[in-house]
PDB file of all heavy atoms in Angstrom:
ATOM      1  N   GLU A   1     155.120  91.717 158.592  1.00  0.00           N
ATOM      2  CA  GLU A   1     155.224  90.280 158.321  1.00  0.00           C
ATOM      3  C   GLU A   1     154.026  89.521 158.868  1.00  0.00           C
ATOM      4  O   GLU A   1     153.556  88.555 158.256  1.00  0.00           O
ATOM      5  CB  GLU A   1     156.530  89.726 158.910  1.00  0.00           C
ATOM      6  CG  GLU A   1     157.788  90.337 158.308  1.00  0.00           C
ATOM      7  CD  GLU A   1     157.874  90.123 156.815  1.00  0.00           C
ATOM      8  OE1 GLU A   1     157.300  89.134 156.295  1.00  0.00           O
ATOM      9  OE2 GLU A   1     158.505  90.931 156.120  1.00  0.00           O
ATOM     10  N   ARG A   2     153.539  89.974 160.022  1.00  0.00           N
ATOM     11  CA  ARG A   2     152.341  89.332 160.568  1.00  0.00           C
ATOM     12  C   ARG A   2     151.137  89.580 159.662  1.00  0.00           C
ATOM     13  O   ARG A   2     150.298  88.695 159.464  1.00  0.00           O
ATOM     14  CB  ARG A   2     152.075  89.862 161.959  1.00  0.00           C
ATOM     15  CG  ARG A   2     153.056  89.310 162.995  1.00  0.00           C
ATOM     16  CD  ARG A   2     152.797  89.925 164.352  1.00  0.00           C
ATOM     17  NE  ARG A   2     153.722  89.349 165.327  1.00  0.00           N
ATOM     18  CZ  ARG A   2     153.829  89.777 166.590  1.00  0.00           C
ATOM     19  NH1 ARG A   2     153.058  90.798 167.012  1.00  0.00           N
ATOM     20  NH2 ARG A   2     154.687  89.192 167.408  1.00  0.00           N
ATOM     21  N   VAL A   3     151.069  90.792 159.132  1.00  0.00           N
ATOM     22  CA  VAL A   3     149.978  91.077 158.183  1.00  0.00           C
ATOM     23  C   VAL A   3     150.086  90.176 156.951  1.00  0.00           C
ATOM     24  O   VAL A   3     149.092  89.636 156.448  1.00  0.00           O
ATOM     25  CB  VAL A   3     150.017  92.571 157.798  1.00  0.00           C
ATOM     26  CG1 VAL A   3     149.060  92.844 156.628  1.00  0.00           C
ATOM     27  CG2 VAL A   3     149.629  93.435 158.976  1.00  0.00           C
ATOM     28  N   ALA A   4     151.338  90.009 156.462  1.00  0.00           N
ATOM     29  CA  ALA A   4     151.535  89.123 155.295  1.00  0.00           C
ATOM     30  C   ALA A   4     151.144  87.685 155.619  1.00  0.00           C
ATOM     31  O   ALA A   4     150.547  86.987 154.799  1.00  0.00           O
ATOM     32  CB  ALA A   4     153.000  89.208 154.843  1.00  0.00           C
ATOM     33  N   ALA A   5     151.478  87.216 156.825  1.00  0.00           N
ATOM     34  CA  ALA A   5     151.106  85.858 157.221  1.00  0.00           C
ATOM     35  C   ALA A   5     149.602  85.707 157.302  1.00  0.00           C
ATOM     36  O   ALA A   5     149.029  84.708 156.850  1.00  0.00           O
ATOM     37  CB  ALA A   5     151.775  85.515 158.546  1.00  0.00           C
ATOM     38  N   ARG A   6     148.920  86.764 157.886  1.00  0.00           N
ATOM     39  CA  ARG A   6     147.458  86.679 157.980  1.00  0.00           C
ATOM     40  C   ARG A   6     146.820  86.712 156.586  1.00  0.00           C
ATOM     41  O   ARG A   6     145.831  86.030 156.326  1.00  0.00           O
ATOM     42  CB  ARG A   6     146.944  87.821 158.847  1.00  0.00           C
ATOM     43  CG  ARG A   6     147.169  87.594 160.342  1.00  0.00           C
ATOM     44  CD  ARG A   6     146.335  88.550 161.167  1.00  0.00           C
ATOM     45  NE  ARG A   6     146.740  89.954 160.942  1.00  0.00           N
ATOM     46  CZ  ARG A   6     147.668  90.580 161.649  1.00  0.00           C
ATOM     47  NH1 ARG A   6     148.300  89.939 162.623  1.00  0.00           N
ATOM     48  NH2 ARG A   6     147.966  91.845 161.416  1.00  0.00           N
ATOM     49  N   GLU A   7     147.407  87.534 155.708  1.00  0.00           N
ATOM     50  CA  GLU A   7     146.867  87.559 154.331  1.00  0.00           C
ATOM     51  C   GLU A   7     147.037  86.197 153.647  1.00  0.00           C
ATOM     52  O   GLU A   7     146.152  85.744 152.918  1.00  0.00           O
ATOM     53  CB  GLU A   7     147.582  88.657 153.543  1.00  0.00           C
ATOM     54  CG  GLU A   7     147.183  90.060 153.955  1.00  0.00           C
ATOM     55  CD  GLU A   7     147.936  91.101 153.144  1.00  0.00           C
ATOM     56  OE1 GLU A   7     148.814  90.693 152.350  1.00  0.00           O
ATOM     57  OE2 GLU A   7     147.636  92.298 153.291  1.00  0.00           O
ATOM     58  N   ALA A   8     148.205  85.549 153.880  1.00  0.00           N
ATOM     59  CA  ALA A   8     148.401  84.215 153.284  1.00  0.00           C
ATOM     60  C   ALA A   8     147.400  83.208 153.848  1.00  0.00           C
ATOM     61  O   ALA A   8     146.837  82.399 153.110  1.00  0.00           O
ATOM     62  CB  ALA A   8     149.835  83.747 153.529  1.00  0.00           C
ATOM     63  N   GLU A   9     147.170  83.289 155.167  1.00  0.00           N
ATOM     64  CA  GLU A   9     146.176  82.386 155.767  1.00  0.00           C
ATOM     65  C   GLU A   9     144.786  82.669 155.224  1.00  0.00           C
ATOM     66  O   GLU A   9     144.001  81.746 154.968  1.00  0.00           O
ATOM     67  CB  GLU A   9     146.204  82.545 157.284  1.00  0.00           C
ATOM     68  CG  GLU A   9     147.485  82.010 157.929  1.00  0.00           C
ATOM     69  CD  GLU A   9     147.486  82.228 159.424  1.00  0.00           C
ATOM     70  OE1 GLU A   9     146.584  82.946 159.910  1.00  0.00           O
ATOM     71  OE2 GLU A   9     148.387  81.698 160.097  1.00  0.00           O
ATOM     72  N   ALA A  10     144.489  83.980 155.041  1.00  0.00           N
ATOM     73  CA  ALA A  10     143.176  84.326 154.493  1.00  0.00           C
ATOM     74  C   ALA A  10     143.028  83.811 153.067  1.00  0.00           C
ATOM     75  O   ALA A  10     141.957  83.331 152.659  1.00  0.00           O
ATOM     76  CB  ALA A  10     142.977  85.854 154.551  1.00  0.00           C
ATOM     77  N   GLN A  11     144.107  83.926 152.283  1.00  0.00           N
ATOM     78  CA  GLN A  11     144.064  83.403 150.916  1.00  0.00           C
ATOM     79  C   GLN A  11     143.842  81.893 150.901  1.00  0.00           C
ATOM     80  O   GLN A  11     143.091  81.369 150.072  1.00  0.00           O
ATOM     81  CB  GLN A  11     145.372  83.755 150.190  1.00  0.00           C
ATOM     82  CG  GLN A  11     145.501  85.222 149.815  1.00  0.00           C
ATOM     83  CD  GLN A  11     144.491  85.615 148.753  1.00  0.00           C
ATOM     84  OE1 GLN A  11     144.032  84.807 147.953  1.00  0.00           O
ATOM     85  NE2 GLN A  11     144.118  86.908 148.777  1.00  0.00           N
ATOM     86  N   MET A  12     144.491  81.195 151.817  1.00  0.00           N
ATOM     87  CA  MET A  12     144.298  79.741 151.892  1.00  0.00           C
ATOM     88  C   MET A  12     142.874  79.392 152.289  1.00  0.00           C
ATOM     89  O   MET A  12     142.257  78.466 151.742  1.00  0.00           O
ATOM     90  CB  MET A  12     145.299  79.139 152.882  1.00  0.00           C
ATOM     91  CG  MET A  12     146.746  79.203 152.395  1.00  0.00           C
ATOM     92  SD  MET A  12     147.880  78.441 153.562  1.00  0.00           S
ATOM     93  CE  MET A  12     147.329  76.753 153.491  1.00  0.00           C
ATOM     94  N   ALA A  13     142.333  80.134 153.262  1.00  0.00           N
ATOM     95  CA  ALA A  13     140.944  79.885 153.662  1.00  0.00           C
ATOM     96  C   ALA A  13     139.988  80.178 152.515  1.00  0.00           C
ATOM     97  O   ALA A  13     139.030  79.435 152.253  1.00  0.00           O
ATOM     98  CB  ALA A  13     140.600  80.755 154.884  1.00  0.00           C
ATOM     99  N   LYS A  14     140.259  81.301 151.798  1.00  0.00           N
ATOM    100  CA  LYS A  14     139.426  81.647 150.649  1.00  0.00           C
ATOM    101  C   LYS A  14     139.534  80.570 149.568  1.00  0.00           C
ATOM    102  O   LYS A  14     138.547  80.214 148.924  1.00  0.00           O
ATOM    103  CB  LYS A  14     139.863  83.002 150.116  1.00  0.00           C
ATOM    104  CG  LYS A  14     138.997  83.517 148.971  1.00  0.00           C
ATOM    105  CD  LYS A  14     139.475  84.885 148.525  1.00  0.00           C
ATOM    106  CE  LYS A  14     138.622  85.398 147.368  1.00  0.00           C
ATOM    107  NZ  LYS A  14     139.086  86.748 146.913  1.00  0.00           N
ATOM    108  N   LEU A  15     140.758  80.074 149.374  1.00  0.00           N
ATOM    109  CA  LEU A  15     140.953  79.018 148.381  1.00  0.00           C
ATOM    110  C   LEU A  15     140.209  77.745 148.776  1.00  0.00           C
ATOM    111  O   LEU A  15     139.586  77.097 147.926  1.00  0.00           O
ATOM    112  CB  LEU A  15     142.453  78.738 148.236  1.00  0.00           C
ATOM    113  CG  LEU A  15     142.858  77.728 147.162  1.00  0.00           C
ATOM    114  CD1 LEU A  15     142.467  78.241 145.785  1.00  0.00           C
ATOM    115  CD2 LEU A  15     144.354  77.448 147.216  1.00  0.00           C
ATOM    116  N   ARG A  16     140.248  77.407 150.057  1.00  0.00           N
ATOM    117  CA  ARG A  16     139.499  76.220 150.517  1.00  0.00           C
ATOM    118  C   ARG A  16     138.006  76.398 150.311  1.00  0.00           C
ATOM    119  O   ARG A  16     137.312  75.473 149.858  1.00  0.00           O
ATOM    120  CB  ARG A  16     139.804  75.949 151.986  1.00  0.00           C
ATOM    121  CG  ARG A  16     141.162  75.309 152.230  1.00  0.00           C
ATOM    122  CD  ARG A  16     141.231  74.748 153.643  1.00  0.00           C
ATOM    123  NE  ARG A  16     141.056  75.807 154.649  1.00  0.00           N
ATOM    124  CZ  ARG A  16     142.059  76.504 155.171  1.00  0.00           C
ATOM    125  NH1 ARG A  16     143.308  76.270 154.781  1.00  0.00           N
ATOM    126  NH2 ARG A  16     141.823  77.428 156.086  1.00  0.00           N
ATOM    127  N   SER A  17     137.511  77.596 150.671  1.00  0.00           N
ATOM    128  CA  SER A  17     136.071  77.839 150.496  1.00  0.00           C
ATOM    129  C   SER A  17     135.666  77.845 149.032  1.00  0.00           C
ATOM    130  O   SER A  17     134.547  77.510 148.684  1.00  0.00           O
ATOM    131  CB  SER A  17     135.683  79.167 151.156  1.00  0.00           C
ATOM    132  OG  SER A  17     136.383  80.249 150.516  1.00  0.00           O
ATOM    133  N   ARG A  18     136.596  78.238 148.144  1.00  0.00           N
ATOM    134  CA  ARG A  18     136.283  78.237 146.715  1.00  0.00           C
ATOM    135  C   ARG A  18     136.393  76.845 146.114  1.00  0.00           C
ATOM    136  O   ARG A  18     135.574  76.444 145.281  1.00  0.00           O
ATOM    137  CB  ARG A  18     137.234  79.180 145.984  1.00  0.00           C
ATOM    138  CG  ARG A  18     136.866  79.376 144.499  1.00  0.00           C
ATOM    139  CD  ARG A  18     138.002  79.983 143.728  1.00  0.00           C
ATOM    140  NE  ARG A  18     138.508  81.194 144.371  1.00  0.00           N
ATOM    141  CZ  ARG A  18     139.596  81.837 143.929  1.00  0.00           C
ATOM    142  NH1 ARG A  18     140.283  81.372 142.889  1.00  0.00           N
ATOM    143  NH2 ARG A  18     140.023  82.932 144.555  1.00  0.00           N
ATOM    144  N   PHE A  19     137.419  76.094 146.552  1.00  0.00           N
ATOM    145  CA  PHE A  19     137.650  74.780 145.958  1.00  0.00           C
ATOM    146  C   PHE A  19     136.718  73.704 146.492  1.00  0.00           C
ATOM    147  O   PHE A  19     136.504  72.698 145.814  1.00  0.00           O
ATOM    148  CB  PHE A  19     139.102  74.344 146.181  1.00  0.00           C
ATOM    149  CG  PHE A  19     140.072  74.984 145.236  1.00  0.00           C
ATOM    150  CD1 PHE A  19     141.432  74.952 145.481  1.00  0.00           C
ATOM    151  CD2 PHE A  19     139.619  75.614 144.088  1.00  0.00           C
ATOM    152  CE1 PHE A  19     142.327  75.539 144.604  1.00  0.00           C
ATOM    153  CE2 PHE A  19     140.506  76.199 143.212  1.00  0.00           C
ATOM    154  CZ  PHE A  19     141.869  76.171 143.466  1.00  0.00           C
ATOM    155  N   ALA A  20     136.174  73.855 147.677  1.00  0.00           N
ATOM    156  CA  ALA A  20     135.299  72.810 148.242  1.00  0.00           C
ATOM    157  C   ALA A  20     134.080  72.553 147.363  1.00  0.00           C
ATOM    158  O   ALA A  20     133.809  71.414 146.964  1.00  0.00           O
ATOM    159  CB  ALA A  20     134.907  73.179 149.671  1.00  0.00           C
ATOM    160  N   PRO A  21     133.289  73.576 147.017  1.00  0.00           N
ATOM    161  CA  PRO A  21     132.148  73.311 146.119  1.00  0.00           C
ATOM    162  C   PRO A  21     132.587  72.904 144.720  1.00  0.00           C
ATOM    163  O   PRO A  21     131.928  72.097 144.066  1.00  0.00           O
ATOM    164  CB  PRO A  21     131.386  74.643 146.099  1.00  0.00           C
ATOM    165  CG  PRO A  21     132.389  75.674 146.489  1.00  0.00           C
ATOM    166  CD  PRO A  21     133.329  74.992 147.436  1.00  0.00           C
ATOM    167  N   MET A  22     133.722  73.504 144.256  1.00  0.00           N
ATOM    168  CA  MET A  22     134.206  73.099 142.935  1.00  0.00           C
ATOM    169  C   MET A  22     134.604  71.629 142.929  1.00  0.00           C
ATOM    170  O   MET A  22     134.310  70.901 141.964  1.00  0.00           O
ATOM    171  CB  MET A  22     135.401  73.965 142.541  1.00  0.00           C
ATOM    172  CG  MET A  22     135.047  75.422 142.252  1.00  0.00           C
ATOM    173  SD  MET A  22     136.500  76.410 141.824  1.00  0.00           S
ATOM    174  CE  MET A  22     137.043  75.583 140.352  1.00  0.00           C
ATOM    175  N   ALA A  23     135.244  71.192 144.011  1.00  0.00           N
ATOM    176  CA  ALA A  23     135.625  69.777 144.086  1.00  0.00           C
ATOM    177  C   ALA A  23     134.394  68.884 144.156  1.00  0.00           C
ATOM    178  O   ALA A  23     134.320  67.835 143.497  1.00  0.00           O
ATOM    179  CB  ALA A  23     136.524  69.544 145.303  1.00  0.00           C
ATOM    180  N   ALA A  24     133.402  69.300 144.953  1.00  0.00           N
ATOM    181  CA  ALA A  24     132.169  68.498 145.033  1.00  0.00           C
ATOM    182  C   ALA A  24     131.473  68.440 143.687  1.00  0.00           C
ATOM    183  O   ALA A  24     130.974  67.387 143.261  1.00  0.00           O
ATOM    184  CB  ALA A  24     131.235  69.096 146.109  1.00  0.00           C
ATOM    185  N   LEU A  25     131.415  69.636 143.012  1.00  0.00           N
ATOM    186  CA  LEU A  25     130.798  69.655 141.687  1.00  0.00           C
ATOM    187  C   LEU A  25     131.579  68.785 140.704  1.00  0.00           C
ATOM    188  O   LEU A  25     130.994  68.043 139.898  1.00  0.00           O
ATOM    189  CB  LEU A  25     130.737  71.096 141.180  1.00  0.00           C
ATOM    190  CG  LEU A  25     130.111  71.288 139.789  1.00  0.00           C
ATOM    191  CD1 LEU A  25     128.667  70.803 139.792  1.00  0.00           C
ATOM    192  CD2 LEU A  25     130.186  72.759 139.363  1.00  0.00           C
ATOM    193  N   ALA A  26     132.918  68.838 140.769  1.00  0.00           N
ATOM    194  CA  ALA A  26     133.729  68.012 139.877  1.00  0.00           C
ATOM    195  C   ALA A  26     133.517  66.535 140.142  1.00  0.00           C
ATOM    196  O   ALA A  26     133.415  65.721 139.209  1.00  0.00           O
ATOM    197  CB  ALA A  26     135.206  68.384 140.040  1.00  0.00           C
ATOM    198  N   VAL A  27     133.419  66.173 141.429  1.00  0.00           N
ATOM    199  CA  VAL A  27     133.174  64.765 141.765  1.00  0.00           C
ATOM    200  C   VAL A  27     131.812  64.325 141.246  1.00  0.00           C
ATOM    201  O   VAL A  27     131.649  63.235 140.688  1.00  0.00           O
ATOM    202  CB  VAL A  27     133.284  64.563 143.282  1.00  0.00           C
ATOM    203  CG1 VAL A  27     132.788  63.176 143.671  1.00  0.00           C
ATOM    204  CG2 VAL A  27     134.721  64.753 143.743  1.00  0.00           C
ATOM    205  N   ALA A  28     130.795  65.211 141.427  1.00  0.00           N
ATOM    206  CA  ALA A  28     129.453  64.864 140.946  1.00  0.00           C
ATOM    207  C   ALA A  28     129.440  64.709 139.433  1.00  0.00           C
ATOM    208  O   ALA A  28     128.840  63.767 138.883  1.00  0.00           O
ATOM    209  CB  ALA A  28     128.461  65.932 141.385  1.00  0.00           C
ATOM    210  N   ILE A  29     130.122  65.653 138.743  1.00  0.00           N
ATOM    211  CA  ILE A  29     130.173  65.555 137.276  1.00  0.00           C
ATOM    212  C   ILE A  29     130.910  64.284 136.850  1.00  0.00           C
ATOM    213  O   ILE A  29     130.494  63.583 135.917  1.00  0.00           O
ATOM    214  CB  ILE A  29     130.850  66.815 136.701  1.00  0.00           C
ATOM    215  CG1 ILE A  29     129.970  68.042 136.928  1.00  0.00           C
ATOM    216  CG2 ILE A  29     131.136  66.632 135.212  1.00  0.00           C
ATOM    217  CD1 ILE A  29     130.616  69.345 136.507  1.00  0.00           C
ATOM    218  N   ALA A  30     132.013  63.980 137.541  1.00  0.00           N
ATOM    219  CA  ALA A  30     132.769  62.764 137.195  1.00  0.00           C
ATOM    220  C   ALA A  30     131.936  61.515 137.425  1.00  0.00           C
ATOM    221  O   ALA A  30     131.939  60.584 136.610  1.00  0.00           O
ATOM    222  CB  ALA A  30     134.047  62.708 138.024  1.00  0.00           C
ATOM    223  N   VAL A  31     131.191  61.479 138.548  1.00  0.00           N
ATOM    224  CA  VAL A  31     130.339  60.321 138.831  1.00  0.00           C
ATOM    225  C   VAL A  31     129.254  60.185 137.773  1.00  0.00           C
ATOM    226  O   VAL A  31     128.986  59.083 137.257  1.00  0.00           O
ATOM    227  CB  VAL A  31     129.740  60.432 140.244  1.00  0.00           C
ATOM    228  CG1 VAL A  31     128.672  59.367 140.453  1.00  0.00           C
ATOM    229  CG2 VAL A  31     130.832  60.300 141.287  1.00  0.00           C
ATOM    230  N   LEU A  32     128.590  61.328 137.437  1.00  0.00           N
ATOM    231  CA  LEU A  32     127.548  61.277 136.413  1.00  0.00           C
ATOM    232  C   LEU A  32     128.128  60.862 135.058  1.00  0.00           C
ATOM    233  O   LEU A  32     127.521  60.062 134.329  1.00  0.00           O
ATOM    234  CB  LEU A  32     126.865  62.642 136.295  1.00  0.00           C
ATOM    235  CG  LEU A  32     126.003  63.065 137.498  1.00  0.00           C
ATOM    236  CD1 LEU A  32     125.463  64.473 137.289  1.00  0.00           C
ATOM    237  CD2 LEU A  32     124.848  62.081 137.699  1.00  0.00           C
ATOM    238  N   PHE A  33     129.293  61.395 134.743  1.00  0.00           N
ATOM    239  CA  PHE A  33     129.930  61.040 133.483  1.00  0.00           C
ATOM    240  C   PHE A  33     130.313  59.559 133.464  1.00  0.00           C
ATOM    241  O   PHE A  33     130.131  58.861 132.454  1.00  0.00           O
ATOM    242  CB  PHE A  33     131.160  61.919 133.273  1.00  0.00           C
ATOM    243  CG  PHE A  33     131.803  61.745 131.928  1.00  0.00           C
ATOM    244  CD1 PHE A  33     131.115  62.030 130.752  1.00  0.00           C
ATOM    245  CD2 PHE A  33     133.105  61.279 131.831  1.00  0.00           C
ATOM    246  CE1 PHE A  33     131.713  61.858 129.523  1.00  0.00           C
ATOM    247  CE2 PHE A  33     133.703  61.100 130.591  1.00  0.00           C
ATOM    248  CZ  PHE A  33     133.010  61.403 129.443  1.00  0.00           C
ATOM    249  N   ALA A  34     130.813  59.066 134.597  1.00  0.00           N
ATOM    250  CA  ALA A  34     131.159  57.646 134.682  1.00  0.00           C
ATOM    251  C   ALA A  34     129.922  56.767 134.558  1.00  0.00           C
ATOM    252  O   ALA A  34     129.926  55.732 133.878  1.00  0.00           O
ATOM    253  CB  ALA A  34     131.882  57.368 135.999  1.00  0.00           C
ATOM    254  N   LEU A  35     128.829  57.194 135.222  1.00  0.00           N
ATOM    255  CA  LEU A  35     127.575  56.434 135.104  1.00  0.00           C
ATOM    256  C   LEU A  35     127.063  56.439 133.672  1.00  0.00           C
ATOM    257  O   LEU A  35     126.574  55.408 133.167  1.00  0.00           O
ATOM    258  CB  LEU A  35     126.520  57.009 136.049  1.00  0.00           C
ATOM    259  CG  LEU A  35     126.736  56.752 137.540  1.00  0.00           C
ATOM    260  CD1 LEU A  35     125.669  57.461 138.362  1.00  0.00           C
ATOM    261  CD2 LEU A  35     126.693  55.251 137.837  1.00  0.00           C
ATOM    262  N   LEU A  36     127.166  57.596 133.024  1.00  0.00           N
ATOM    263  CA  LEU A  36     126.722  57.672 131.635  1.00  0.00           C
ATOM    264  C   LEU A  36     127.543  56.740 130.749  1.00  0.00           C
ATOM    265  O   LEU A  36     126.996  55.989 129.919  1.00  0.00           O
ATOM    266  CB  LEU A  36     126.831  59.115 131.152  1.00  0.00           C
ATOM    267  CG  LEU A  36     126.433  59.362 129.689  1.00  0.00           C
ATOM    268  CD1 LEU A  36     124.972  59.002 129.467  1.00  0.00           C
ATOM    269  CD2 LEU A  36     126.689  60.814 129.300  1.00  0.00           C
ATOM    270  N   LEU A  37     128.856  56.790 130.911  1.00  0.00           N
ATOM    271  CA  LEU A  37     129.707  55.893 130.126  1.00  0.00           C
ATOM    272  C   LEU A  37     129.431  54.430 130.457  1.00  0.00           C
ATOM    273  O   LEU A  37     129.419  53.572 129.562  1.00  0.00           O
ATOM    274  CB  LEU A  37     131.177  56.227 130.386  1.00  0.00           C
ATOM    275  CG  LEU A  37     131.682  57.566 129.854  1.00  0.00           C
ATOM    276  CD1 LEU A  37     133.133  57.777 130.260  1.00  0.00           C
ATOM    277  CD2 LEU A  37     131.546  57.638 128.340  1.00  0.00           C
ATOM    278  N   TYR A  38     129.201  54.165 131.742  1.00  0.00           N
ATOM    279  CA  TYR A  38     128.934  52.776 132.144  1.00  0.00           C
ATOM    280  C   TYR A  38     127.635  52.260 131.540  1.00  0.00           C
ATOM    281  O   TYR A  38     127.585  51.148 131.010  1.00  0.00           O
ATOM    282  CB  TYR A  38     128.881  52.712 133.665  1.00  0.00           C
ATOM    283  CG  TYR A  38     128.538  51.339 134.201  1.00  0.00           C
ATOM    284  CD1 TYR A  38     129.484  50.317 134.214  1.00  0.00           C
ATOM    285  CD2 TYR A  38     127.260  51.074 134.677  1.00  0.00           C
ATOM    286  CE1 TYR A  38     129.162  49.060 134.691  1.00  0.00           C
ATOM    287  CE2 TYR A  38     126.937  49.813 135.154  1.00  0.00           C
ATOM    288  CZ  TYR A  38     127.882  48.809 135.171  1.00  0.00           C
ATOM    289  OH  TYR A  38     127.551  47.572 135.644  1.00  0.00           O
ATOM    290  N   ARG A  39     126.584  53.083 131.608  1.00  0.00           N
ATOM    291  CA  ARG A  39     125.279  52.636 131.098  1.00  0.00           C
ATOM    292  C   ARG A  39     125.261  52.582 129.574  1.00  0.00           C
ATOM    293  O   ARG A  39     124.595  51.719 128.988  1.00  0.00           O
ATOM    294  CB  ARG A  39     124.170  53.557 131.600  1.00  0.00           C
ATOM    295  CG  ARG A  39     123.890  53.436 133.084  1.00  0.00           C
ATOM    296  CD  ARG A  39     122.751  54.364 133.493  1.00  0.00           C
ATOM    297  NE  ARG A  39     121.529  54.020 132.799  1.00  0.00           N
ATOM    298  CZ  ARG A  39     120.659  53.091 133.175  1.00  0.00           C
ATOM    299  NH1 ARG A  39     120.913  52.392 134.286  1.00  0.00           N
ATOM    300  NH2 ARG A  39     119.575  52.833 132.490  1.00  0.00           N
TER     301      ARG A  39
END
């Protein structure tokens, strides 16, 4: 069970490390898209 808990924590950490750049990229794309629509 401890191994399962550590694996779940590792998956969450991996998910955070994967989603952080994706979120930043999504925010940048959304900002650029909003600027394009605005201009």
